[in-house]
Protein backbone atom coordinates (compact mmCIF):
# COMPACT_ATOMS: atom_id res chain seq x y z
CA MET A 1 130.34 81.04 -73.91
CA SER A 2 129.67 78.43 -71.78
CA ASP A 3 129.47 74.38 -72.42
CA VAL A 4 126.08 74.61 -72.12
CA PHE A 5 125.64 77.81 -73.94
CA ASP A 6 127.41 75.64 -76.92
CA LYS A 7 124.65 72.98 -76.56
CA THR A 8 121.40 74.53 -76.16
CA VAL A 9 118.91 75.76 -79.11
CA ALA A 10 116.69 78.18 -78.08
CA ILE A 11 113.29 78.37 -79.29
CA LEU A 12 110.86 81.50 -79.49
CA LEU A 13 107.55 80.35 -79.51
CA ALA A 14 105.60 82.90 -81.30
CA SER A 15 102.44 80.61 -83.02
CA GLY A 16 99.54 81.91 -80.77
CA LEU A 17 96.25 82.68 -82.45
CA SER A 18 95.57 85.65 -80.05
CA ARG A 19 92.14 84.54 -79.70
CA ARG A 20 91.17 86.82 -76.53
CA PHE A 21 92.40 89.86 -78.87
CA LYS A 22 89.74 89.08 -81.41
CA ARG A 23 90.75 89.55 -84.54
CA LYS A 24 94.42 91.57 -83.58
CA ASP A 25 97.38 89.86 -83.44
CA LYS A 26 98.55 90.64 -80.27
CA LEU A 27 102.47 89.92 -80.89
CA LEU A 28 102.36 92.80 -83.32
CA GLN A 29 100.91 95.48 -80.33
CA ASP A 30 103.17 98.34 -79.53
CA LEU A 31 104.90 98.17 -76.13
CA GLY A 32 107.37 101.05 -75.53
CA GLY A 33 107.83 101.92 -79.54
CA LYS A 34 108.27 98.43 -80.80
CA PRO A 35 106.38 94.88 -81.29
CA LEU A 36 105.35 93.23 -78.22
CA PHE A 37 107.54 90.27 -79.70
CA GLU A 38 110.25 91.92 -79.97
CA HIS A 39 111.18 92.55 -76.52
CA MET A 40 111.68 88.62 -76.22
CA ALA A 41 113.15 87.95 -79.53
CA SER A 42 115.78 91.09 -79.18
CA ARG A 43 117.57 89.45 -75.87
CA LEU A 44 117.67 85.95 -77.38
CA ALA A 45 119.41 87.40 -80.25
CA ALA A 46 122.04 88.68 -78.23
CA PHE A 47 123.14 85.43 -76.73
CA GLU A 48 125.26 83.62 -79.17
CA PHE A 49 123.00 80.15 -79.09
CA PRO A 50 124.24 77.73 -81.81
CA ALA A 51 120.57 78.04 -83.34
CA ARG A 52 117.69 80.07 -82.68
CA ILE A 53 114.26 79.16 -83.76
CA ALA A 54 111.05 80.83 -84.09
CA VAL A 55 107.81 79.19 -84.26
CA CYS A 56 105.33 81.14 -86.38
CA PRO A 57 101.68 80.45 -87.94
CA PRO A 58 102.56 80.25 -91.64
CA ARG A 59 100.02 83.31 -92.45
CA SER A 60 101.06 86.01 -90.14
CA HIS A 61 103.91 87.62 -92.74
CA ASP A 62 104.99 90.92 -90.70
CA LEU A 63 106.12 88.51 -87.48
CA ARG A 64 108.37 86.24 -89.97
CA ASP A 65 109.56 88.92 -92.23
CA GLN A 66 110.90 90.77 -88.99
CA LEU A 67 112.46 87.37 -87.10
CA ASP A 68 113.97 85.85 -90.50
CA GLY A 69 117.75 86.15 -90.38
CA ARG A 70 118.00 86.22 -86.82
CA PHE A 71 116.04 83.18 -86.06
CA ILE A 72 115.10 79.79 -88.63
CA ILE A 73 111.47 80.10 -89.21
CA ALA A 74 109.74 76.83 -87.75
CA PRO A 75 105.94 77.11 -89.25
CA ASN A 76 103.30 75.53 -87.31
CA VAL A 77 100.61 75.08 -89.61
CA SER A 78 98.43 73.78 -87.03
CA PRO A 79 98.37 76.82 -84.81
CA GLU A 80 94.57 76.31 -83.49
CA SER A 81 95.89 73.07 -81.97
CA GLY A 82 97.30 74.73 -79.34
CA LEU A 83 100.75 75.16 -77.47
CA GLY A 84 101.74 71.77 -77.11
CA VAL A 85 102.05 71.06 -80.95
CA SER A 86 103.66 74.73 -80.86
CA ILE A 87 106.02 72.86 -78.82
CA SER A 88 106.79 70.06 -81.09
CA VAL A 89 107.25 72.02 -84.04
CA GLY A 90 110.23 73.79 -82.67
CA VAL A 91 111.78 71.08 -80.83
CA ARG A 92 111.48 69.01 -83.93
CA VAL A 93 113.54 71.36 -85.80
CA ALA A 94 115.69 71.65 -82.92
CA MET A 95 116.71 68.23 -83.56
CA GLN A 96 118.66 68.82 -86.66
CA PHE A 97 121.25 70.71 -84.78
CA ARG A 98 121.59 67.70 -82.20
CA PRO A 99 121.72 69.91 -79.24
CA GLU A 100 122.00 68.81 -75.48
CA TYR A 101 119.48 71.12 -74.10
CA VAL A 102 116.52 73.53 -75.51
CA LEU A 103 115.47 76.76 -74.02
CA LEU A 104 111.62 77.48 -74.48
CA VAL A 105 110.69 80.82 -74.33
CA LEU A 106 106.89 82.83 -74.90
CA ALA A 107 106.97 85.80 -77.29
CA ASP A 108 104.26 87.47 -75.25
CA MET A 109 106.64 87.83 -72.18
CA PRO A 110 108.02 91.08 -72.78
CA PHE A 111 110.17 91.59 -69.23
CA VAL A 112 112.06 88.33 -68.88
CA GLU A 113 115.71 89.49 -68.31
CA PRO A 114 118.70 88.42 -69.59
CA ALA A 115 120.19 87.11 -66.32
CA SER A 116 117.02 85.13 -65.88
CA ILE A 117 117.93 83.44 -69.10
CA ALA A 118 121.64 82.75 -67.89
CA ARG A 119 120.79 81.74 -64.55
CA LEU A 120 118.71 78.60 -66.14
CA ILE A 121 122.26 78.11 -67.84
CA SER A 122 124.41 78.33 -64.74
CA THR A 123 121.99 76.25 -62.96
CA ALA A 124 122.48 73.31 -66.06
CA GLU A 125 126.11 74.01 -65.57
CA ALA A 126 126.21 73.60 -62.01
CA ASP A 127 124.32 70.01 -62.32
CA PRO A 128 124.69 68.35 -65.38
CA GLY A 129 121.91 65.83 -63.87
CA LEU A 130 119.24 67.93 -64.02
CA ASP A 131 116.06 67.09 -67.00
CA ILE A 132 114.45 70.59 -66.80
CA ILE A 133 115.00 74.23 -65.45
CA HIS A 134 112.06 76.26 -64.91
CA SER A 135 111.06 79.48 -63.82
CA GLY A 136 109.17 79.62 -60.71
CA ARG A 137 109.62 77.65 -57.50
CA GLY A 138 108.21 74.48 -56.45
CA ASP A 139 104.89 73.36 -58.55
CA ALA A 140 104.61 76.49 -60.47
CA ALA A 141 106.40 75.79 -63.03
CA ARG A 142 106.88 78.78 -65.67
CA PRO A 143 109.10 79.64 -68.82
CA PRO A 144 111.13 80.30 -69.51
CA SER A 145 112.50 76.85 -69.06
CA LEU A 146 115.36 75.06 -70.23
CA PHE A 147 114.95 71.33 -71.18
CA GLN A 148 118.12 68.40 -71.22
CA GLN A 149 117.76 65.45 -74.22
CA ARG A 150 116.05 63.43 -71.89
CA CYS A 151 113.07 65.40 -72.47
CA PHE A 152 112.80 65.58 -76.23
CA GLU A 153 110.80 63.02 -76.91
CA PRO A 154 107.90 63.35 -74.77
CA LEU A 155 107.84 67.50 -76.09
CA GLN A 156 108.00 66.59 -79.59
CA VAL A 157 104.71 64.11 -78.78
CA LEU A 158 102.69 67.22 -76.85
CA LYS A 159 99.48 68.18 -78.05
CA GLY A 160 96.63 70.36 -77.43
CA GLU A 161 97.18 72.93 -74.39
CA SER A 162 99.03 70.39 -72.70
CA GLY A 163 102.85 72.54 -72.39
CA ALA A 164 105.96 71.94 -71.25
CA GLY A 165 105.57 72.38 -68.11
CA SER A 166 103.28 68.96 -67.82
CA LEU A 167 106.58 67.19 -67.63
CA VAL A 168 107.48 68.55 -64.31
CA GLY A 169 107.16 66.38 -61.41
CA ARG A 170 106.63 63.41 -63.93
CA SER A 171 108.50 60.43 -62.87
CA GLY A 172 111.79 60.04 -64.18
CA PHE A 173 112.58 63.38 -64.75
CA ARG A 174 114.73 65.68 -62.09
CA SER A 175 113.86 69.11 -62.21
CA VAL A 176 114.50 72.42 -60.43
CA GLY A 177 113.07 75.83 -60.64
CA ILE A 178 114.68 79.28 -60.06
CA SER A 179 113.25 82.25 -58.54
CA VAL A 180 112.49 85.10 -60.75
CA ALA A 181 110.71 88.12 -59.87
CA GLU A 182 107.08 88.34 -60.92
CA PRO A 183 107.13 91.30 -62.96
CA GLU A 184 109.32 89.59 -65.53
CA LEU A 185 106.89 86.69 -65.97
CA LEU A 186 104.05 89.07 -67.13
CA ASP A 187 102.15 86.79 -70.18
CA VAL A 188 100.77 88.90 -72.64
CA ASP A 189 96.95 87.04 -73.01
CA THR A 190 94.50 89.98 -72.95
CA PRO A 191 94.21 93.51 -73.85
CA PHE A 192 94.04 94.13 -69.93
CA ASP A 193 97.30 92.40 -69.74
CA LEU A 194 98.88 94.19 -72.67
CA ASP A 195 97.67 97.40 -70.35
CA THR A 196 99.71 96.16 -67.72
CA ALA A 197 102.65 95.71 -70.07
CA ARG A 198 102.63 99.65 -70.75
CA ALA A 199 101.98 100.60 -67.25
CA GLN A 200 105.09 98.64 -66.27
CA TRP A 201 106.89 99.83 -69.13
CA ALA A 202 106.32 103.28 -68.29
CA ILE A 203 106.64 102.64 -64.35
CA ARG A 204 110.59 101.10 -65.55
CA GLN A 205 111.11 104.20 -67.85
CA ARG A 206 110.52 106.52 -64.99
CA CYS A 207 112.76 104.42 -63.04
CA LEU A 208 115.72 104.42 -65.07
CA GLY A 209 115.20 108.13 -66.19
CA SER A 210 115.71 108.95 -62.33
CA THR A 211 118.52 107.02 -61.93
CA THR A 212 120.78 108.95 -64.69
CA VAL A 213 123.17 111.76 -63.26
CA GLU A 214 123.17 115.17 -64.97
CA LYS A 215 126.54 116.47 -66.10
CA ILE A 216 126.94 119.72 -64.15
């Protein structure tokens, strides 16, 4: 385990209200035989972070039950208040572990590869003076993102739909983006996005199958 891994708490943001899915919880929708959230959750669980936190709505018992044991559950009692509140809840819970970094990931991004998460960490190792390392180049800051401890205070007071990307470009913070393949950054917000994810999953499975060497 690297030095930065030893000092990083991972935060899985899973407390959205799925408003564009009407009354369905998008995170529990099937993708490739398992719930949407499980793709990102299982990837994070494979890393040996000192702590992993999942920010969940208090009434989503199925989601919480499936994450419990692998993640510390941080209930967001105001999920209707937006992503900013979800981030602030997660970061406040993370503070009890005294991290030097927090990694923010969205539970509705099923295709982020472990190698992309590892690149965020290795970029921080290469330049300890960076405050924010995000996916996406330039001003197009996307999660997953890694934040150094100088960012913790503003992250804890985020409100509404103002996400952590609002810190990028703010005076006093050094930030850099890493290039990540666009299909990895698919964010499932609508039923159409879920259909797109299912199509992408099918393509990936066909590609994996085509690389299998048959024994003679």
